[in-house]
Amino acid sequence: ASEATLGIDPALLEILACPDTHHS
């Protein structure tokens, strides 16, 4: 599970988005 998320908390992954305007 940790490998699938690169060690990033899954809750954080849910909210991370591209820092450019209006991206995914």
mmCIF file of all heavy atoms, coordinates in Angstrom:
data_MODEL
# 
_entry.id   MODEL 
# 
loop_
_atom_site.group_PDB 
_atom_site.id 
_atom_site.type_symbol 
_atom_site.label_atom_id 
_atom_site.label_alt_id 
_atom_site.label_comp_id 
_atom_site.label_asym_id 
_atom_site.label_entity_id 
_atom_site.label_seq_id 
_atom_site.pdbx_PDB_ins_code 
_atom_site.Cartn_x 
_atom_site.Cartn_y 
_atom_site.Cartn_z 
_atom_site.occupancy 
_atom_site.B_iso_or_equiv 
_atom_site.pdbx_formal_charge 
_atom_site.auth_seq_id 
_atom_site.auth_comp_id 
_atom_site.auth_asym_id 
_atom_site.auth_atom_id 
_atom_site.pdbx_PDB_model_num 
ATOM 1   N N   . ALA A 1 1  ? 0.835   -1.214 0.000   1.00 0.00 ? 1  ALA A N   1 
ATOM 2   C CA  . ALA A 1 1  ? 0.000   0.000  0.000   1.00 0.00 ? 1  ALA A CA  1 
ATOM 3   C C   . ALA A 1 1  ? 0.864   1.256  0.000   1.00 0.00 ? 1  ALA A C   1 
ATOM 4   O O   . ALA A 1 1  ? 0.581   2.227  -0.689  1.00 0.00 ? 1  ALA A O   1 
ATOM 5   C CB  . ALA A 1 1  ? -0.937  0.003  1.203   1.00 0.00 ? 1  ALA A CB  1 
ATOM 6   N N   . SER A 1 2  ? 1.950   1.225  0.762   1.00 0.00 ? 2  SER A N   1 
ATOM 7   C CA  . SER A 1 2  ? 2.859   2.363  0.826   1.00 0.00 ? 2  SER A CA  1 
ATOM 8   C C   . SER A 1 2  ? 3.555   2.568  -0.514  1.00 0.00 ? 2  SER A C   1 
ATOM 9   O O   . SER A 1 2  ? 3.758   3.692  -0.955  1.00 0.00 ? 2  SER A O   1 
ATOM 10  C CB  . SER A 1 2  ? 3.871   2.162  1.939   1.00 0.00 ? 2  SER A CB  1 
ATOM 11  O OG  . SER A 1 2  ? 4.748   3.249  2.025   1.00 0.00 ? 2  SER A OG  1 
ATOM 12  N N   . GLU A 1 3  ? 3.921   1.466  -1.173  1.00 0.00 ? 3  GLU A N   1 
ATOM 13  C CA  . GLU A 1 3  ? 4.552   1.567  -2.488  1.00 0.00 ? 3  GLU A CA  1 
ATOM 14  C C   . GLU A 1 3  ? 3.587   2.153  -3.503  1.00 0.00 ? 3  GLU A C   1 
ATOM 15  O O   . GLU A 1 3  ? 3.979   2.948  -4.351  1.00 0.00 ? 3  GLU A O   1 
ATOM 16  C CB  . GLU A 1 3  ? 5.040   0.200  -2.946  1.00 0.00 ? 3  GLU A CB  1 
ATOM 17  C CG  . GLU A 1 3  ? 6.250   -0.282 -2.187  1.00 0.00 ? 3  GLU A CG  1 
ATOM 18  C CD  . GLU A 1 3  ? 6.675   -1.684 -2.570  1.00 0.00 ? 3  GLU A CD  1 
ATOM 19  O OE1 . GLU A 1 3  ? 6.144   -2.230 -3.560  1.00 0.00 ? 3  GLU A OE1 1 
ATOM 20  O OE2 . GLU A 1 3  ? 7.542   -2.222 -1.874  1.00 0.00 ? 3  GLU A OE2 1 
ATOM 21  N N   . ALA A 1 4  ? 2.311   1.795  -3.428  1.00 0.00 ? 4  ALA A N   1 
ATOM 22  C CA  . ALA A 1 4  ? 1.306   2.287  -4.383  1.00 0.00 ? 4  ALA A CA  1 
ATOM 23  C C   . ALA A 1 4  ? 1.061   3.783  -4.233  1.00 0.00 ? 4  ALA A C   1 
ATOM 24  O O   . ALA A 1 4  ? 0.591   4.426  -5.160  1.00 0.00 ? 4  ALA A O   1 
ATOM 25  C CB  . ALA A 1 4  ? 0.011   1.513  -4.221  1.00 0.00 ? 4  ALA A CB  1 
ATOM 26  N N   . THR A 1 5  ? 1.375   4.333  -3.066  1.00 0.00 ? 5  THR A N   1 
ATOM 27  C CA  . THR A 1 5  ? 1.159   5.761  -2.839  1.00 0.00 ? 5  THR A CA  1 
ATOM 28  C C   . THR A 1 5  ? 2.478   6.520  -2.736  1.00 0.00 ? 5  THR A C   1 
ATOM 29  O O   . THR A 1 5  ? 2.480   7.696  -2.387  1.00 0.00 ? 5  THR A O   1 
ATOM 30  C CB  . THR A 1 5  ? 0.335   6.002  -1.558  1.00 0.00 ? 5  THR A CB  1 
ATOM 31  O OG1 . THR A 1 5  ? 1.066   5.509  -0.440  1.00 0.00 ? 5  THR A OG1 1 
ATOM 32  C CG2 . THR A 1 5  ? -1.025  5.341  -1.635  1.00 0.00 ? 5  THR A CG2 1 
ATOM 33  N N   . LEU A 1 6  ? 3.587   5.856  -3.020  1.00 0.00 ? 6  LEU A N   1 
ATOM 34  C CA  . LEU A 1 6  ? 4.927   6.459  -2.954  1.00 0.00 ? 6  LEU A CA  1 
ATOM 35  C C   . LEU A 1 6  ? 5.255   7.012  -1.570  1.00 0.00 ? 6  LEU A C   1 
ATOM 36  O O   . LEU A 1 6  ? 6.021   7.954  -1.430  1.00 0.00 ? 6  LEU A O   1 
ATOM 37  C CB  . LEU A 1 6  ? 5.073   7.555  -4.016  1.00 0.00 ? 6  LEU A CB  1 
ATOM 38  C CG  . LEU A 1 6  ? 4.862   7.116  -5.460  1.00 0.00 ? 6  LEU A CG  1 
ATOM 39  C CD1 . LEU A 1 6  ? 4.911   8.321  -6.394  1.00 0.00 ? 6  LEU A CD1 1 
ATOM 40  C CD2 . LEU A 1 6  ? 5.901   6.088  -5.868  1.00 0.00 ? 6  LEU A CD2 1 
ATOM 41  N N   . GLY A 1 7  ? 4.631   6.434  -0.543  1.00 0.00 ? 7  GLY A N   1 
ATOM 42  C CA  . GLY A 1 7  ? 4.891   6.876  0.820   1.00 0.00 ? 7  GLY A CA  1 
ATOM 43  C C   . GLY A 1 7  ? 4.098   8.099  1.239   1.00 0.00 ? 7  GLY A C   1 
ATOM 44  O O   . GLY A 1 7  ? 4.292   8.623  2.327   1.00 0.00 ? 7  GLY A O   1 
ATOM 45  N N   . ILE A 1 8  ? 3.191   8.557  0.372   1.00 0.00 ? 8  ILE A N   1 
ATOM 46  C CA  . ILE A 1 8  ? 2.363   9.731  0.666   1.00 0.00 ? 8  ILE A CA  1 
ATOM 47  C C   . ILE A 1 8  ? 1.067   9.263  1.318   1.00 0.00 ? 8  ILE A C   1 
ATOM 48  O O   . ILE A 1 8  ? 0.465   8.282  0.881   1.00 0.00 ? 8  ILE A O   1 
ATOM 49  C CB  . ILE A 1 8  ? 2.054   10.514 -0.623  1.00 0.00 ? 8  ILE A CB  1 
ATOM 50  C CG1 . ILE A 1 8  ? 3.347   10.942 -1.306  1.00 0.00 ? 8  ILE A CG1 1 
ATOM 51  C CG2 . ILE A 1 8  ? 1.173   11.728 -0.333  1.00 0.00 ? 8  ILE A CG2 1 
ATOM 52  C CD1 . ILE A 1 8  ? 3.150   11.494 -2.708  1.00 0.00 ? 8  ILE A CD1 1 
ATOM 53  N N   . ASP A 1 9  ? 0.626   9.970  2.339   1.00 0.00 ? 9  ASP A N   1 
ATOM 54  C CA  . ASP A 1 9  ? -0.629  9.649  3.018   1.00 0.00 ? 9  ASP A CA  1 
ATOM 55  C C   . ASP A 1 9  ? -1.769  9.636  1.987   1.00 0.00 ? 9  ASP A C   1 
ATOM 56  O O   . ASP A 1 9  ? -1.942  10.603 1.248   1.00 0.00 ? 9  ASP A O   1 
ATOM 57  C CB  . ASP A 1 9  ? -0.892  10.712 4.089   1.00 0.00 ? 9  ASP A CB  1 
ATOM 58  C CG  . ASP A 1 9  ? -2.124  10.432 4.916   1.00 0.00 ? 9  ASP A CG  1 
ATOM 59  O OD1 . ASP A 1 9  ? -3.091  9.808  4.422   1.00 0.00 ? 9  ASP A OD1 1 
ATOM 60  O OD2 . ASP A 1 9  ? -2.130  10.860 6.086   1.00 0.00 ? 9  ASP A OD2 1 
ATOM 61  N N   . PRO A 1 10 ? -2.537  8.550  1.917   1.00 0.00 ? 10 PRO A N   1 
ATOM 62  C CA  . PRO A 1 10 ? -3.639  8.470  0.948   1.00 0.00 ? 10 PRO A CA  1 
ATOM 63  C C   . PRO A 1 10 ? -4.644  9.619  1.067   1.00 0.00 ? 10 PRO A C   1 
ATOM 64  O O   . PRO A 1 10 ? -5.198  10.066 0.061   1.00 0.00 ? 10 PRO A O   1 
ATOM 65  C CB  . PRO A 1 10 ? -4.302  7.128  1.261   1.00 0.00 ? 10 PRO A CB  1 
ATOM 66  C CG  . PRO A 1 10 ? -3.209  6.314  1.881   1.00 0.00 ? 10 PRO A CG  1 
ATOM 67  C CD  . PRO A 1 10 ? -2.365  7.297  2.655   1.00 0.00 ? 10 PRO A CD  1 
ATOM 68  N N   . ALA A 1 11 ? -4.884  10.115 2.272   1.00 0.00 ? 11 ALA A N   1 
ATOM 69  C CA  . ALA A 1 11 ? -5.801  11.255 2.444   1.00 0.00 ? 11 ALA A CA  1 
ATOM 70  C C   . ALA A 1 11 ? -5.241  12.498 1.763   1.00 0.00 ? 11 ALA A C   1 
ATOM 71  O O   . ALA A 1 11 ? -5.988  13.292 1.180   1.00 0.00 ? 11 ALA A O   1 
ATOM 72  C CB  . ALA A 1 11 ? -6.052  11.521 3.925   1.00 0.00 ? 11 ALA A CB  1 
ATOM 73  N N   . LEU A 1 12 ? -3.931  12.677 1.822   1.00 0.00 ? 12 LEU A N   1 
ATOM 74  C CA  . LEU A 1 12 ? -3.296  13.811 1.152   1.00 0.00 ? 12 LEU A CA  1 
ATOM 75  C C   . LEU A 1 12 ? -3.374  13.646 -0.363  1.00 0.00 ? 12 LEU A C   1 
ATOM 76  O O   . LEU A 1 12 ? -3.654  14.607 -1.085  1.00 0.00 ? 12 LEU A O   1 
ATOM 77  C CB  . LEU A 1 12 ? -1.843  13.950 1.601   1.00 0.00 ? 12 LEU A CB  1 
ATOM 78  C CG  . LEU A 1 12 ? -1.031  15.070 0.962   1.00 0.00 ? 12 LEU A CG  1 
ATOM 79  C CD1 . LEU A 1 12 ? -1.647  16.434 1.246   1.00 0.00 ? 12 LEU A CD1 1 
ATOM 80  C CD2 . LEU A 1 12 ? 0.410   15.027 1.449   1.00 0.00 ? 12 LEU A CD2 1 
ATOM 81  N N   . LEU A 1 13 ? -3.167  12.439 -0.838  1.00 0.00 ? 13 LEU A N   1 
ATOM 82  C CA  . LEU A 1 13 ? -3.240  12.190 -2.285  1.00 0.00 ? 13 LEU A CA  1 
ATOM 83  C C   . LEU A 1 13 ? -4.608  12.563 -2.850  1.00 0.00 ? 13 LEU A C   1 
ATOM 84  O O   . LEU A 1 13 ? -4.708  12.994 -3.988  1.00 0.00 ? 13 LEU A O   1 
ATOM 85  C CB  . LEU A 1 13 ? -2.950  10.723 -2.594  1.00 0.00 ? 13 LEU A CB  1 
ATOM 86  C CG  . LEU A 1 13 ? -1.494  10.340 -2.714  1.00 0.00 ? 13 LEU A CG  1 
ATOM 87  C CD1 . LEU A 1 13 ? -1.358  8.847  -2.938  1.00 0.00 ? 13 LEU A CD1 1 
ATOM 88  C CD2 . LEU A 1 13 ? -0.794  11.108 -3.808  1.00 0.00 ? 13 LEU A CD2 1 
ATOM 89  N N   . GLU A 1 14 ? -5.652  12.381 -2.056  1.00 0.00 ? 14 GLU A N   1 
ATOM 90  C CA  . GLU A 1 14 ? -7.005  12.697 -2.518  1.00 0.00 ? 14 GLU A CA  1 
ATOM 91  C C   . GLU A 1 14 ? -7.190  14.180 -2.795  1.00 0.00 ? 14 GLU A C   1 
ATOM 92  O O   . GLU A 1 14 ? -8.022  14.552 -3.615  1.00 0.00 ? 14 GLU A O   1 
ATOM 93  C CB  . GLU A 1 14 ? -8.043  12.229 -1.495  1.00 0.00 ? 14 GLU A CB  1 
ATOM 94  C CG  . GLU A 1 14 ? -8.199  10.738 -1.442  1.00 0.00 ? 14 GLU A CG  1 
ATOM 95  C CD  . GLU A 1 14 ? -9.280  10.319 -0.472  1.00 0.00 ? 14 GLU A CD  1 
ATOM 96  O OE1 . GLU A 1 14 ? -10.211 11.115 -0.210  1.00 0.00 ? 14 GLU A OE1 1 
ATOM 97  O OE2 . GLU A 1 14 ? -9.194  9.187  0.022   1.00 0.00 ? 14 GLU A OE2 1 
ATOM 98  N N   . ILE A 1 15 ? -6.428  15.049 -2.115  1.00 0.00 ? 15 ILE A N   1 
ATOM 99  C CA  . ILE A 1 15 ? -6.632  16.485 -2.284  1.00 0.00 ? 15 ILE A CA  1 
ATOM 100 C C   . ILE A 1 15 ? -5.541  17.177 -3.098  1.00 0.00 ? 15 ILE A C   1 
ATOM 101 O O   . ILE A 1 15 ? -5.698  18.332 -3.480  1.00 0.00 ? 15 ILE A O   1 
ATOM 102 C CB  . ILE A 1 15 ? -6.788  17.197 -0.921  1.00 0.00 ? 15 ILE A CB  1 
ATOM 103 C CG1 . ILE A 1 15 ? -5.539  17.023 -0.065  1.00 0.00 ? 15 ILE A CG1 1 
ATOM 104 C CG2 . ILE A 1 15 ? -8.034  16.710 -0.196  1.00 0.00 ? 15 ILE A CG2 1 
ATOM 105 C CD1 . ILE A 1 15 ? -5.537  17.848 1.203   1.00 0.00 ? 15 ILE A CD1 1 
ATOM 106 N N   . LEU A 1 16 ? -4.440  16.476 -3.390  1.00 0.00 ? 16 LEU A N   1 
ATOM 107 C CA  . LEU A 1 16 ? -3.378  17.090 -4.175  1.00 0.00 ? 16 LEU A CA  1 
ATOM 108 C C   . LEU A 1 16 ? -3.832  17.295 -5.616  1.00 0.00 ? 16 LEU A C   1 
ATOM 109 O O   . LEU A 1 16 ? -4.448  16.421 -6.214  1.00 0.00 ? 16 LEU A O   1 
ATOM 110 C CB  . LEU A 1 16 ? -2.122  16.216 -4.167  1.00 0.00 ? 16 LEU A CB  1 
ATOM 111 C CG  . LEU A 1 16 ? -1.329  16.177 -2.880  1.00 0.00 ? 16 LEU A CG  1 
ATOM 112 C CD1 . LEU A 1 16 ? -0.132  15.236 -3.039  1.00 0.00 ? 16 LEU A CD1 1 
ATOM 113 C CD2 . LEU A 1 16 ? -0.853  17.554 -2.484  1.00 0.00 ? 16 LEU A CD2 1 
ATOM 114 N N   . ALA A 1 17 ? -3.505  18.456 -6.167  1.00 0.00 ? 17 ALA A N   1 
ATOM 115 C CA  . ALA A 1 17 ? -3.836  18.758 -7.561  1.00 0.00 ? 17 ALA A CA  1 
ATOM 116 C C   . ALA A 1 17 ? -2.680  19.518 -8.179  1.00 0.00 ? 17 ALA A C   1 
ATOM 117 O O   . ALA A 1 17 ? -1.830  20.073 -7.480  1.00 0.00 ? 17 ALA A O   1 
ATOM 118 C CB  . ALA A 1 17 ? -5.113  19.583 -7.636  1.00 0.00 ? 17 ALA A CB  1 
ATOM 119 N N   . CYS A 1 18 ? -2.662  19.556 -9.477  1.00 0.00 ? 18 CYS A N   1 
ATOM 120 C CA  . CYS A 1 18 ? -1.632  20.287 -10.212 1.00 0.00 ? 18 CYS A CA  1 
ATOM 121 C C   . CYS A 1 18 ? -1.659  21.748 -9.777  1.00 0.00 ? 18 CYS A C   1 
ATOM 122 O O   . CYS A 1 18 ? -2.734  22.348 -9.657  1.00 0.00 ? 18 CYS A O   1 
ATOM 123 C CB  . CYS A 1 18 ? -1.905  20.175 -11.708 1.00 0.00 ? 18 CYS A CB  1 
ATOM 124 S SG  . CYS A 1 18 ? -0.700  21.021 -12.738 1.00 0.00 ? 18 CYS A SG  1 
ATOM 125 N N   . PRO A 1 19 ? -0.493  22.342 -9.515  1.00 0.00 ? 19 PRO A N   1 
ATOM 126 C CA  . PRO A 1 19 ? -0.466  23.737 -9.065  1.00 0.00 ? 19 PRO A CA  1 
ATOM 127 C C   . PRO A 1 19 ? -0.782  24.753 -10.158 1.00 0.00 ? 19 PRO A C   1 
ATOM 128 O O   . PRO A 1 19 ? -0.989  25.923 -9.867  1.00 0.00 ? 19 PRO A O   1 
ATOM 129 C CB  . PRO A 1 19 ? 0.968   23.922 -8.546  1.00 0.00 ? 19 PRO A CB  1 
ATOM 130 C CG  . PRO A 1 19 ? 1.767   22.901 -9.257  1.00 0.00 ? 19 PRO A CG  1 
ATOM 131 C CD  . PRO A 1 19 ? 0.837   21.747 -9.506  1.00 0.00 ? 19 PRO A CD  1 
ATOM 132 N N   . ASP A 1 20 ? -0.847  24.321 -11.423 1.00 0.00 ? 20 ASP A N   1 
ATOM 133 C CA  . ASP A 1 20 ? -1.218  25.241 -12.486 1.00 0.00 ? 20 ASP A CA  1 
ATOM 134 C C   . ASP A 1 20 ? -2.726  25.503 -12.402 1.00 0.00 ? 20 ASP A C   1 
ATOM 135 O O   . ASP A 1 20 ? -3.485  24.696 -11.871 1.00 0.00 ? 20 ASP A O   1 
ATOM 136 C CB  . ASP A 1 20 ? -0.854  24.644 -13.843 1.00 0.00 ? 20 ASP A CB  1 
ATOM 137 C CG  . ASP A 1 20 ? -0.602  25.696 -14.905 1.00 0.00 ? 20 ASP A CG  1 
ATOM 138 O OD1 . ASP A 1 20 ? -0.887  26.880 -14.651 1.00 0.00 ? 20 ASP A OD1 1 
ATOM 139 O OD2 . ASP A 1 20 ? -0.112  25.331 -15.992 1.00 0.00 ? 20 ASP A OD2 1 
ATOM 140 N N   . THR A 1 21 ? -3.156  26.615 -12.915 1.00 0.00 ? 21 THR A N   1 
ATOM 141 C CA  . THR A 1 21 ? -4.557  27.035 -12.810 1.00 0.00 ? 21 THR A CA  1 
ATOM 142 C C   . THR A 1 21 ? -5.496  26.074 -13.532 1.00 0.00 ? 21 THR A C   1 
ATOM 143 O O   . THR A 1 21 ? -5.242  25.686 -14.667 1.00 0.00 ? 21 THR A O   1 
ATOM 144 C CB  . THR A 1 21 ? -4.719  28.452 -13.409 1.00 0.00 ? 21 THR A CB  1 
ATOM 145 O OG1 . THR A 1 21 ? -3.758  29.296 -12.802 1.00 0.00 ? 21 THR A OG1 1 
ATOM 146 C CG2 . THR A 1 21 ? -6.096  29.005 -13.161 1.00 0.00 ? 21 THR A CG2 1 
ATOM 147 N N   . HIS A 1 22 ? -6.582  25.697 -12.859 1.00 0.00 ? 22 HIS A N   1 
ATOM 148 C CA  . HIS A 1 22 ? -7.672  24.888 -13.422 1.00 0.00 ? 22 HIS A CA  1 
ATOM 149 C C   . HIS A 1 22 ? -7.223  23.524 -13.929 1.00 0.00 ? 22 HIS A C   1 
ATOM 150 O O   . HIS A 1 22 ? -7.639  23.087 -14.989 1.00 0.00 ? 22 HIS A O   1 
ATOM 151 C CB  . HIS A 1 22 ? -8.387  25.640 -14.546 1.00 0.00 ? 22 HIS A CB  1 
ATOM 152 C CG  . HIS A 1 22 ? -8.873  26.983 -14.153 1.00 0.00 ? 22 HIS A CG  1 
ATOM 153 N ND1 . HIS A 1 22 ? -9.857  27.177 -13.204 1.00 0.00 ? 22 HIS A ND1 1 
ATOM 154 C CD2 . HIS A 1 22 ? -8.483  28.219 -14.537 1.00 0.00 ? 22 HIS A CD2 1 
ATOM 155 C CE1 . HIS A 1 22 ? -10.071 28.467 -13.043 1.00 0.00 ? 22 HIS A CE1 1 
ATOM 156 N NE2 . HIS A 1 22 ? -9.246  29.124 -13.836 1.00 0.00 ? 22 HIS A NE2 1 
ATOM 157 N N   . HIS A 1 23 ? -6.369  22.878 -13.171 1.00 0.00 ? 23 HIS A N   1 
ATOM 158 C CA  . HIS A 1 23 ? -5.918  21.557 -13.591 1.00 0.00 ? 23 HIS A CA  1 
ATOM 159 C C   . HIS A 1 23 ? -6.481  20.477 -12.686 1.00 0.00 ? 23 HIS A C   1 
ATOM 160 O O   . HIS A 1 23 ? -7.214  20.757 -11.746 1.00 0.00 ? 23 HIS A O   1 
ATOM 161 C CB  . HIS A 1 23 ? -4.390  21.504 -13.662 1.00 0.00 ? 23 HIS A CB  1 
ATOM 162 C CG  . HIS A 1 23 ? -3.872  22.216 -14.874 1.00 0.00 ? 23 HIS A CG  1 
ATOM 163 N ND1 . HIS A 1 23 ? -3.103  21.608 -15.820 1.00 0.00 ? 23 HIS A ND1 1 
ATOM 164 C CD2 . HIS A 1 23 ? -4.046  23.482 -15.303 1.00 0.00 ? 23 HIS A CD2 1 
ATOM 165 C CE1 . HIS A 1 23 ? -2.813  22.477 -16.774 1.00 0.00 ? 23 HIS A CE1 1 
ATOM 166 N NE2 . HIS A 1 23 ? -3.370  23.619 -16.480 1.00 0.00 ? 23 HIS A NE2 1 
ATOM 167 N N   . SER A 1 24 ? -6.136  19.259 -12.973 1.00 0.00 ? 24 SER A N   1 
ATOM 168 C CA  . SER A 1 24 ? -6.777  18.088 -12.398 1.00 0.00 ? 24 SER A CA  1 
ATOM 169 C C   . SER A 1 24 ? -6.085  17.578 -11.139 1.00 0.00 ? 24 SER A C   1 
ATOM 170 O O   . SER A 1 24 ? -4.916  17.870 -10.902 1.00 0.00 ? 24 SER A O   1 
ATOM 171 C CB  . SER A 1 24 ? -6.733  16.953 -13.429 1.00 0.00 ? 24 SER A CB  1 
ATOM 172 O OG  . SER A 1 24 ? -7.292  17.359 -14.636 1.00 0.00 ? 24 SER A OG  1 
# 
